[in-house]
């Protein structure tokens, strides 16, 4: 959907078509709200995906199970099948 341009709105005002100009401004406002909502949704999705990536990067596969944390402070073991198929950290 092409947005009305600033020049288009100014030209309408110069021609005396203020109602048409107001409609174009309303189109811009509506689209702006839609874009803000989409932006919020994408930010939430990005935050969720970053969390999943950080969780995945924190896991170490040893033998046939996953562990989280580092060598000194390790949690687990966690079921490989549960994590790989359902992204769940379930104890073995």
PDB file of N, CA and C in Angstrom:
ATOM      1  N   UNK A   1       0.847  -1.174   0.000  1.00  0.00           N
ATOM      2  CA  UNK A   1       0.000   0.000   0.000  1.00  0.00           C
ATOM      3  C   UNK A   1       0.893   1.238   0.000  1.00  0.00           C
ATOM      4  N   UNK A   2       0.778   2.038  -1.036  1.00  0.00           N
ATOM      5  CA  UNK A   2       1.579   3.254  -1.144  1.00  0.00           C
ATOM      6  C   UNK A   2       1.009   4.335  -0.233  1.00  0.00           C
ATOM      7  N   UNK A   3       1.908   4.962   0.482  1.00  0.00           N
ATOM      8  CA  UNK A   3       1.494   6.034   1.384  1.00  0.00           C
ATOM      9  C   UNK A   3       1.417   7.353   0.630  1.00  0.00           C
ATOM     10  N   UNK A   4       0.492   8.221   1.012  1.00  0.00           N
ATOM     11  CA  UNK A   4       0.451   9.541   0.396  1.00  0.00           C
ATOM     12  C   UNK A   4       1.734  10.301   0.732  1.00  0.00           C
ATOM     13  N   UNK A   5       2.230  11.032  -0.223  1.00  0.00           N
ATOM     14  CA  UNK A   5       3.459  11.784   0.011  1.00  0.00           C
ATOM     15  C   UNK A   5       3.135  13.165   0.557  1.00  0.00           C
ATOM     16  N   UNK A   6       4.143  13.758   1.165  1.00  0.00           N
ATOM     17  CA  UNK A   6       4.021  15.123   1.685  1.00  0.00           C
ATOM     18  C   UNK A   6       3.651  16.065   0.549  1.00  0.00           C
ATOM     19  N   UNK A   7       4.306  15.919  -0.590  1.00  0.00           N
ATOM     20  CA  UNK A   7       4.050  16.777  -1.756  1.00  0.00           C
ATOM     21  C   UNK A   7       2.612  16.632  -2.228  1.00  0.00           C
ATOM     22  N   UNK A   8       2.114  15.415  -2.234  1.00  0.00           N
ATOM     23  CA  UNK A   8       0.732  15.171  -2.651  1.00  0.00           C
ATOM     24  C   UNK A   8      -0.250  15.914  -1.744  1.00  0.00           C
ATOM     25  N   UNK A   9      -0.005  15.875  -0.466  1.00  0.00           N
ATOM     26  CA  UNK A   9      -0.882  16.562   0.491  1.00  0.00           C
ATOM     27  C   UNK A   9      -0.798  18.074   0.309  1.00  0.00           C
ATOM     28  N   UNK A  10       0.411  18.589   0.154  1.00  0.00           N
ATOM     29  CA  UNK A  10       0.589  20.034  -0.054  1.00  0.00           C
ATOM     30  C   UNK A  10      -0.104  20.477  -1.334  1.00  0.00           C
ATOM     31  N   UNK A  11       0.033  19.696  -2.406  1.00  0.00           N
ATOM     32  CA  UNK A  11      -0.624  20.036  -3.672  1.00  0.00           C
ATOM     33  C   UNK A  11      -2.141  20.082  -3.509  1.00  0.00           C
ATOM     34  N   UNK A  12      -2.692  19.135  -2.748  1.00  0.00           N
ATOM     35  CA  UNK A  12      -4.139  19.144  -2.506  1.00  0.00           C
ATOM     36  C   UNK A  12      -4.561  20.391  -1.737  1.00  0.00           C
ATOM     37  N   UNK A  13      -3.772  20.785  -0.746  1.00  0.00           N
ATOM     38  CA  UNK A  13      -4.094  21.983   0.031  1.00  0.00           C
ATOM     39  C   UNK A  13      -4.023  23.217  -0.854  1.00  0.00           C
ATOM     40  N   UNK A  14      -2.993  23.303  -1.694  1.00  0.00           N
ATOM     41  CA  UNK A  14      -2.849  24.451  -2.608  1.00  0.00           C
ATOM     42  C   UNK A  14      -4.027  24.549  -3.576  1.00  0.00           C
ATOM     43  N   UNK A  15      -4.560  23.396  -3.977  1.00  0.00           N
ATOM     44  CA  UNK A  15      -5.706  23.373  -4.893  1.00  0.00           C
ATOM     45  C   UNK A  15      -7.019  23.668  -4.178  1.00  0.00           C
ATOM     46  N   UNK A  16      -6.967  23.714  -2.854  1.00  0.00           N
ATOM     47  CA  UNK A  16      -8.174  23.962  -2.079  1.00  0.00           C
ATOM     48  C   UNK A  16      -8.936  22.695  -1.740  1.00  0.00           C
ATOM     49  N   UNK A  17      -8.332  21.568  -1.987  1.00  0.00           N
ATOM     50  CA  UNK A  17      -8.975  20.278  -1.690  1.00  0.00           C
ATOM     51  C   UNK A  17      -8.617  19.841  -0.274  1.00  0.00           C
ATOM     52  N   UNK A  18      -9.064  20.635   0.685  1.00  0.00           N
ATOM     53  CA  UNK A  18      -8.688  20.344   2.069  1.00  0.00           C
ATOM     54  C   UNK A  18      -9.291  19.037   2.581  1.00  0.00           C
ATOM     55  N   UNK A  19     -10.475  18.688   2.121  1.00  0.00           N
ATOM     56  CA  UNK A  19     -11.078  17.433   2.564  1.00  0.00           C
ATOM     57  C   UNK A  19     -10.251  16.256   2.064  1.00  0.00           C
ATOM     58  N   UNK A  20      -9.813  16.318   0.795  1.00  0.00           N
ATOM     59  CA  UNK A  20      -8.957  15.257   0.253  1.00  0.00           C
ATOM     60  C   UNK A  20      -7.624  15.205   1.004  1.00  0.00           C
ATOM     61  N   UNK A  21      -7.081  16.376   1.325  1.00  0.00           N
ATOM     62  CA  UNK A  21      -5.824  16.441   2.070  1.00  0.00           C
ATOM     63  C   UNK A  21      -6.004  15.821   3.458  1.00  0.00           C
ATOM     64  N   UNK A  22      -7.127  16.116   4.115  1.00  0.00           N
ATOM     65  CA  UNK A  22      -7.401  15.550   5.432  1.00  0.00           C
ATOM     66  C   UNK A  22      -7.523  14.024   5.358  1.00  0.00           C
ATOM     67  N   UNK A  23      -8.127  13.530   4.293  1.00  0.00           N
ATOM     68  CA  UNK A  23      -8.233  12.080   4.117  1.00  0.00           C
ATOM     69  C   UNK A  23      -6.851  11.449   3.974  1.00  0.00           C
ATOM     70  N   UNK A  24      -5.971  12.107   3.218  1.00  0.00           N
ATOM     71  CA  UNK A  24      -4.603  11.600   3.047  1.00  0.00           C
ATOM     72  C   UNK A  24      -3.853  11.619   4.379  1.00  0.00           C
ATOM     73  N   UNK A  25      -4.059  12.660   5.154  1.00  0.00           N
ATOM     74  CA  UNK A  25      -3.420  12.745   6.471  1.00  0.00           C
ATOM     75  C   UNK A  25      -3.943  11.632   7.373  1.00  0.00           C
ATOM     76  N   UNK A  26      -5.238  11.355   7.303  1.00  0.00           N
ATOM     77  CA  UNK A  26      -5.805  10.264   8.095  1.00  0.00           C
ATOM     78  C   UNK A  26      -5.216   8.922   7.658  1.00  0.00           C
ATOM     79  N   UNK A  27      -4.998   8.735   6.351  1.00  0.00           N
ATOM     80  CA  UNK A  27      -4.351   7.516   5.864  1.00  0.00           C
ATOM     81  C   UNK A  27      -2.966   7.369   6.491  1.00  0.00           C
ATOM     82  N   UNK A  28      -2.233   8.480   6.525  1.00  0.00           N
ATOM     83  CA  UNK A  28      -0.897   8.453   7.131  1.00  0.00           C
ATOM     84  C   UNK A  28      -0.968   8.094   8.605  1.00  0.00           C
ATOM     85  N   UNK A  29      -1.907   8.660   9.315  1.00  0.00           N
ATOM     86  CA  UNK A  29      -2.056   8.374  10.745  1.00  0.00           C
ATOM     87  C   UNK A  29      -2.399   6.898  10.973  1.00  0.00           C
ATOM     88  N   UNK A  30      -3.339   6.376  10.195  1.00  0.00           N
ATOM     89  CA  UNK A  30      -3.730   4.978  10.344  1.00  0.00           C
ATOM     90  C   UNK A  30      -2.554   4.047  10.056  1.00  0.00           C
ATOM     91  N   UNK A  31      -1.827   4.350   8.996  1.00  0.00           N
ATOM     92  CA  UNK A  31      -0.678   3.516   8.635  1.00  0.00           C
ATOM     93  C   UNK A  31       0.411   3.602   9.705  1.00  0.00           C
ATOM     94  N   UNK A  32       0.579   4.798  10.269  1.00  0.00           N
ATOM     95  CA  UNK A  32       1.562   4.983  11.334  1.00  0.00           C
ATOM     96  C   UNK A  32       1.222   4.101  12.532  1.00  0.00           C
ATOM     97  N   UNK A  33      -0.045   4.040  12.898  1.00  0.00           N
ATOM     98  CA  UNK A  33      -0.479   3.198  14.015  1.00  0.00           C
ATOM     99  C   UNK A  33      -0.245   1.728  13.688  1.00  0.00           C
ATOM    100  N   UNK A  34      -0.585   1.326  12.454  1.00  0.00           N
ATOM    101  CA  UNK A  34      -0.355  -0.060  12.034  1.00  0.00           C
ATOM    102  C   UNK A  34       1.130  -0.415  12.120  1.00  0.00           C
ATOM    103  N   UNK A  35       1.984   0.494  11.669  1.00  0.00           N
ATOM    104  CA  UNK A  35       3.426   0.245  11.700  1.00  0.00           C
ATOM    105  C   UNK A  35       3.950   0.172  13.131  1.00  0.00           C
ATOM    106  N   UNK A  36       3.412   1.006  14.020  1.00  0.00           N
ATOM    107  CA  UNK A  36       3.815   0.947  15.421  1.00  0.00           C
ATOM    108  C   UNK A  36       3.428  -0.398  16.032  1.00  0.00           C
ATOM    109  N   UNK A  37       2.219  -0.866  15.742  1.00  0.00           N
ATOM    110  CA  UNK A  37       1.774  -2.155  16.266  1.00  0.00           C
ATOM    111  C   UNK A  37       2.636  -3.289  15.718  1.00  0.00           C
ATOM    112  N   UNK A  38       2.944  -3.219  14.423  1.00  0.00           N
ATOM    113  CA  UNK A  38       3.806  -4.239  13.823  1.00  0.00           C
ATOM    114  C   UNK A  38       5.199  -4.202  14.448  1.00  0.00           C
ATOM    115  N   UNK A  39       5.698  -3.001  14.694  1.00  0.00           N
ATOM    116  CA  UNK A  39       7.010  -2.839  15.312  1.00  0.00           C
ATOM    117  C   UNK A  39       7.031  -3.463  16.708  1.00  0.00           C
ATOM    118  N   UNK A  40       6.004  -3.212  17.513  1.00  0.00           N
ATOM    119  CA  UNK A  40       5.926  -3.814  18.848  1.00  0.00           C
ATOM    120  C   UNK A  40       5.887  -5.332  18.758  1.00  0.00           C
ATOM    121  N   UNK A  41       5.091  -5.850  17.812  1.00  0.00           N
ATOM    122  CA  UNK A  41       4.987  -7.299  17.641  1.00  0.00           C
ATOM    123  C   UNK A  41       6.336  -7.886  17.233  1.00  0.00           C
ATOM    124  N   UNK A  42       7.028  -7.247  16.315  1.00  0.00           N
ATOM    125  CA  UNK A  42       8.329  -7.742  15.867  1.00  0.00           C
ATOM    126  C   UNK A  42       9.371  -7.665  16.985  1.00  0.00           C
ATOM    127  N   UNK A  43       9.306  -6.621  17.800  1.00  0.00           N
ATOM    128  CA  UNK A  43      10.227  -6.517  18.932  1.00  0.00           C
ATOM    129  C   UNK A  43       9.997  -7.652  19.933  1.00  0.00           C
ATOM    130  N   UNK A  44       8.721  -7.957  20.198  1.00  0.00           N
ATOM    131  CA  UNK A  44       8.405  -9.067  21.109  1.00  0.00           C
ATOM    132  C   UNK A  44       8.907 -10.384  20.540  1.00  0.00           C
ATOM    133  N   UNK A  45       8.686 -10.585  19.250  1.00  0.00           N
ATOM    134  CA  UNK A  45       9.145 -11.812  18.602  1.00  0.00           C
ATOM    135  C   UNK A  45      10.667 -11.912  18.648  1.00  0.00           C
ATOM    136  N   UNK A  46      11.344 -10.794  18.392  1.00  0.00           N
ATOM    137  CA  UNK A  46      12.801 -10.777  18.444  1.00  0.00           C
ATOM    138  C   UNK A  46      13.303 -11.081  19.849  1.00  0.00           C
ATOM    139  N   UNK A  47      12.675 -10.492  20.854  1.00  0.00           N
ATOM    140  CA  UNK A  47      13.061 -10.740  22.247  1.00  0.00           C
ATOM    141  C   UNK A  47      12.906 -12.226  22.585  1.00  0.00           C
ATOM    142  N   UNK A  48      11.798 -12.812  22.140  1.00  0.00           N
ATOM    143  CA  UNK A  48      11.549 -14.235  22.395  1.00  0.00           C
ATOM    144  C   UNK A  48      12.597 -15.100  21.695  1.00  0.00           C
ATOM    145  N   UNK A  49      12.902 -14.782  20.451  1.00  0.00           N
ATOM    146  CA  UNK A  49      13.886 -15.566  19.703  1.00  0.00           C
ATOM    147  C   UNK A  49      15.288 -15.416  20.278  1.00  0.00           C
ATOM    148  N   UNK A  50      15.626 -14.213  20.739  1.00  0.00           N
ATOM    149  CA  UNK A  50      16.932 -14.020  21.380  1.00  0.00           C
ATOM    150  C   UNK A  50      17.028 -14.845  22.657  1.00  0.00           C
ATOM    151  N   UNK A  51      15.933 -14.913  23.408  1.00  0.00           N
ATOM    152  CA  UNK A  51      15.916 -15.725  24.622  1.00  0.00           C
ATOM    153  C   UNK A  51      16.118 -17.192  24.315  1.00  0.00           C
ATOM    154  N   UNK A  52      15.435 -17.673  23.271  1.00  0.00           N
ATOM    155  CA  UNK A  52      15.596 -19.073  22.880  1.00  0.00           C
ATOM    156  C   UNK A  52      17.018 -19.359  22.406  1.00  0.00           C
ATOM    157  N   UNK A  53      17.579 -18.411  21.667  1.00  0.00           N
ATOM    158  CA  UNK A  53      18.952 -18.583  21.184  1.00  0.00           C
ATOM    159  C   UNK A  53      19.933 -18.597  22.354  1.00  0.00           C
ATOM    160  N   UNK A  54      19.756 -17.702  23.304  1.00  0.00           N
ATOM    161  CA  UNK A  54      20.647 -17.663  24.467  1.00  0.00           C
ATOM    162  C   UNK A  54      20.544 -18.964  25.255  1.00  0.00           C
ATOM    163  N   UNK A  55      19.313 -19.482  25.392  1.00  0.00           N
ATOM    164  CA  UNK A  55      19.141 -20.749  26.097  1.00  0.00           C
ATOM    165  C   UNK A  55      19.864 -21.871  25.359  1.00  0.00           C
ATOM    166  N   UNK A  56      19.678 -21.911  24.045  1.00  0.00           N
ATOM    167  CA  UNK A  56      20.313 -22.965  23.248  1.00  0.00           C
ATOM    168  C   UNK A  56      21.836 -22.865  23.326  1.00  0.00           C
ATOM    169  N   UNK A  57      22.354 -21.635  23.294  1.00  0.00           N
ATOM    170  CA  UNK A  57      23.808 -21.446  23.359  1.00  0.00           C
ATOM    171  C   UNK A  57      24.369 -21.791  24.731  1.00  0.00           C
ATOM    172  N   UNK A  58      23.527 -21.751  25.759  1.00  0.00           N
ATOM    173  CA  UNK A  58      24.008 -22.054  27.110  1.00  0.00           C
ATOM    174  C   UNK A  58      24.058 -23.555  27.373  1.00  0.00           C
ATOM    175  N   UNK A  59      23.521 -24.357  26.454  1.00  0.00           N
ATOM    176  CA  UNK A  59      23.486 -25.805  26.640  1.00  0.00           C
ATOM    177  C   UNK A  59      24.715 -26.471  26.046  1.00  0.00           C
ATOM    178  N   UNK A  60      25.138 -27.526  26.713  1.00  0.00           N
ATOM    179  CA  UNK A  60      26.250 -28.341  26.236  1.00  0.00           C
ATOM    180  C   UNK A  60      25.749 -29.772  26.124  1.00  0.00           C
ATOM    181  N   UNK A  61      26.048 -30.398  24.993  1.00  0.00           N
ATOM    182  CA  UNK A  61      25.617 -31.781  24.777  1.00  0.00           C
ATOM    183  C   UNK A  61      26.766 -32.696  25.161  1.00  0.00           C
ATOM    184  N   UNK A  62      26.545 -33.519  26.191  1.00  0.00           N
ATOM    185  CA  UNK A  62      27.567 -34.449  26.679  1.00  0.00           C
ATOM    186  C   UNK A  62      26.936 -35.835  26.739  1.00  0.00           C
ATOM    187  N   UNK A  63      27.551 -36.751  26.035  1.00  0.00           N
ATOM    188  CA  UNK A  63      26.987 -38.101  25.984  1.00  0.00           C
ATOM    189  C   UNK A  63      25.705 -38.081  25.182  1.00  0.00           C
ATOM    190  N   UNK A  64      24.598 -38.320  25.865  1.00  0.00           N
ATOM    191  CA  UNK A  64      23.293 -38.287  25.197  1.00  0.00           C
ATOM    192  C   UNK A  64      22.324 -37.334  25.880  1.00  0.00           C
ATOM    193  N   UNK A  65      22.848 -36.390  26.657  1.00  0.00           N
ATOM    194  CA  UNK A  65      22.010 -35.432  27.385  1.00  0.00           C
ATOM    195  C   UNK A  65      22.598 -34.030  27.285  1.00  0.00           C
ATOM    196  N   UNK A  66      21.764 -33.050  27.623  1.00  0.00           N
ATOM    197  CA  UNK A  66      22.192 -31.652  27.661  1.00  0.00           C
ATOM    198  C   UNK A  66      22.454 -31.234  29.105  1.00  0.00           C
ATOM    199  N   UNK A  67      23.379 -30.304  29.258  1.00  0.00           N
ATOM    200  CA  UNK A  67      23.632 -29.626  30.525  1.00  0.00           C
ATOM    201  C   UNK A  67      23.624 -28.136  30.249  1.00  0.00           C
ATOM    202  N   UNK A  68      23.183 -27.349  31.231  1.00  0.00           N
ATOM    203  CA  UNK A  68      23.249 -25.894  31.090  1.00  0.00           C
ATOM    204  C   UNK A  68      24.294 -25.361  32.049  1.00  0.00           C
ATOM    205  N   UNK A  69      24.786 -24.182  31.760  1.00  0.00           N
ATOM    206  CA  UNK A  69      25.802 -23.555  32.590  1.00  0.00           C
ATOM    207  C   UNK A  69      27.197 -23.919  32.132  1.00  0.00           C
ATOM    208  N   UNK A  70      28.170 -23.628  32.980  1.00  0.00           N
ATOM    209  CA  UNK A  70      29.562 -23.923  32.639  1.00  0.00           C
ATOM    210  C   UNK A  70      30.045 -25.138  33.422  1.00  0.00           C
ATOM    211  N   UNK A  71      31.307 -25.494  33.232  1.00  0.00           N
ATOM    212  CA  UNK A  71      31.853 -26.712  33.838  1.00  0.00           C
ATOM    213  C   UNK A  71      31.807 -26.666  35.363  1.00  0.00           C
ATOM    214  N   UNK A  72      31.996 -25.490  35.975  1.00  0.00           N
ATOM    215  CA  UNK A  72      31.997 -25.369  37.429  1.00  0.00           C
ATOM    216  C   UNK A  72      30.591 -25.316  38.015  1.00  0.00           C
ATOM    217  N   UNK A  73      29.658 -24.806  37.273  1.00  0.00           N
ATOM    218  CA  UNK A  73      28.304 -24.593  37.779  1.00  0.00           C
ATOM    219  C   UNK A  73      27.309 -25.128  36.748  1.00  0.00           C
ATOM    220  N   UNK A  74      27.158 -26.409  36.711  1.00  0.00           N
ATOM    221  CA  UNK A  74      26.369 -27.064  35.667  1.00  0.00           C
ATOM    222  C   UNK A  74      25.050 -27.583  36.227  1.00  0.00           C
ATOM    223  N   UNK A  75      23.964 -27.381  35.475  1.00  0.00           N
ATOM    224  CA  UNK A  75      22.645 -27.930  35.806  1.00  0.00           C
ATOM    225  C   UNK A  75      22.315 -29.021  34.799  1.00  0.00           C
ATOM    226  N   UNK A  76      21.571 -30.000  35.245  1.00  0.00           N
ATOM    227  CA  UNK A  76      21.156 -31.054  34.333  1.00  0.00           C
ATOM    228  C   UNK A  76      21.339 -32.394  34.998  1.00  0.00           C
ATOM    229  N   UNK A  77      21.245 -33.428  34.309  1.00  0.00           N
ATOM    230  CA  UNK A  77      21.112 -33.519  32.855  1.00  0.00           C
ATOM    231  C   UNK A  77      19.679 -33.272  32.388  1.00  0.00           C
ATOM    232  N   UNK A  78      19.562 -32.844  31.117  1.00  0.00           N
ATOM    233  CA  UNK A  78      18.269 -32.602  30.499  1.00  0.00           C
ATOM    234  C   UNK A  78      18.105 -33.525  29.302  1.00  0.00           C
ATOM    235  N   UNK A  79      16.897 -33.973  29.113  1.00  0.00           N
ATOM    236  CA  UNK A  79      16.555 -34.929  28.063  1.00  0.00           C
ATOM    237  C   UNK A  79      16.785 -34.335  26.672  1.00  0.00           C
ATOM    238  N   UNK A  80      17.612 -35.003  25.898  1.00  0.00           N
ATOM    239  CA  UNK A  80      17.925 -34.544  24.536  1.00  0.00           C
ATOM    240  C   UNK A  80      16.689 -34.570  23.655  1.00  0.00           C
ATOM    241  N   UNK A  81      15.906 -35.627  23.730  1.00  0.00           N
ATOM    242  CA  UNK A  81      14.715 -35.755  22.889  1.00  0.00           C
ATOM    243  C   UNK A  81      13.696 -34.654  23.205  1.00  0.00           C
ATOM    244  N   UNK A  82      13.465 -34.389  24.487  1.00  0.00           N
ATOM    245  CA  UNK A  82      12.496 -33.355  24.890  1.00  0.00           C
ATOM    246  C   UNK A  82      12.929 -31.973  24.398  1.00  0.00           C
ATOM    247  N   UNK A  83      14.218 -31.698  24.511  1.00  0.00           N
ATOM    248  CA  UNK A  83      14.690 -30.380  24.087  1.00  0.00           C
ATOM    249  C   UNK A  83      14.678 -30.245  22.570  1.00  0.00           C
ATOM    250  N   UNK A  84      15.160 -31.250  21.878  1.00  0.00           N
ATOM    251  CA  UNK A  84      15.264 -31.137  20.419  1.00  0.00           C
ATOM    252  C   UNK A  84      13.907 -31.153  19.728  1.00  0.00           C
ATOM    253  N   UNK A  85      12.943 -31.877  20.269  1.00  0.00           N
ATOM    254  CA  UNK A  85      11.638 -31.948  19.601  1.00  0.00           C
ATOM    255  C   UNK A  85      10.644 -30.910  20.087  1.00  0.00           C
ATOM    256  N   UNK A  86      10.732 -30.514  21.373  1.00  0.00           N
ATOM    257  CA  UNK A  86       9.728 -29.614  21.946  1.00  0.00           C
ATOM    258  C   UNK A  86      10.325 -28.379  22.613  1.00  0.00           C
ATOM    259  N   UNK A  87      11.636 -28.211  22.538  1.00  0.00           N
ATOM    260  CA  UNK A  87      12.341 -27.080  23.172  1.00  0.00           C
ATOM    261  C   UNK A  87      12.067 -27.012  24.668  1.00  0.00           C
ATOM    262  N   UNK A  88      11.927 -28.172  25.308  1.00  0.00           N
ATOM    263  CA  UNK A  88      11.710 -28.226  26.752  1.00  0.00           C
ATOM    264  C   UNK A  88      12.971 -28.727  27.435  1.00  0.00           C
ATOM    265  N   UNK A  89      13.230 -28.156  28.606  1.00  0.00           N
ATOM    266  CA  UNK A  89      14.329 -28.652  29.432  1.00  0.00           C
ATOM    267  C   UNK A  89      13.726 -29.539  30.497  1.00  0.00           C
ATOM    268  N   UNK A  90      13.701 -30.814  30.213  1.00  0.00           N
ATOM    269  CA  UNK A  90      13.136 -31.789  31.145  1.00  0.00           C
ATOM    270  C   UNK A  90      14.242 -32.661  31.689  1.00  0.00           C
ATOM    271  N   UNK A  91      14.202 -32.911  32.968  1.00  0.00           N
ATOM    272  CA  UNK A  91      15.198 -33.779  33.591  1.00  0.00           C
ATOM    273  C   UNK A  91      15.105 -35.195  33.072  1.00  0.00           C
ATOM    274  N   UNK A  92      16.237 -35.868  33.088  1.00  0.00           N
ATOM    275  CA  UNK A  92      16.279 -37.258  32.615  1.00  0.00           C
ATOM    276  C   UNK A  92      16.053 -38.222  33.760  1.00  0.00           C
TER     277      UNK A  92
END
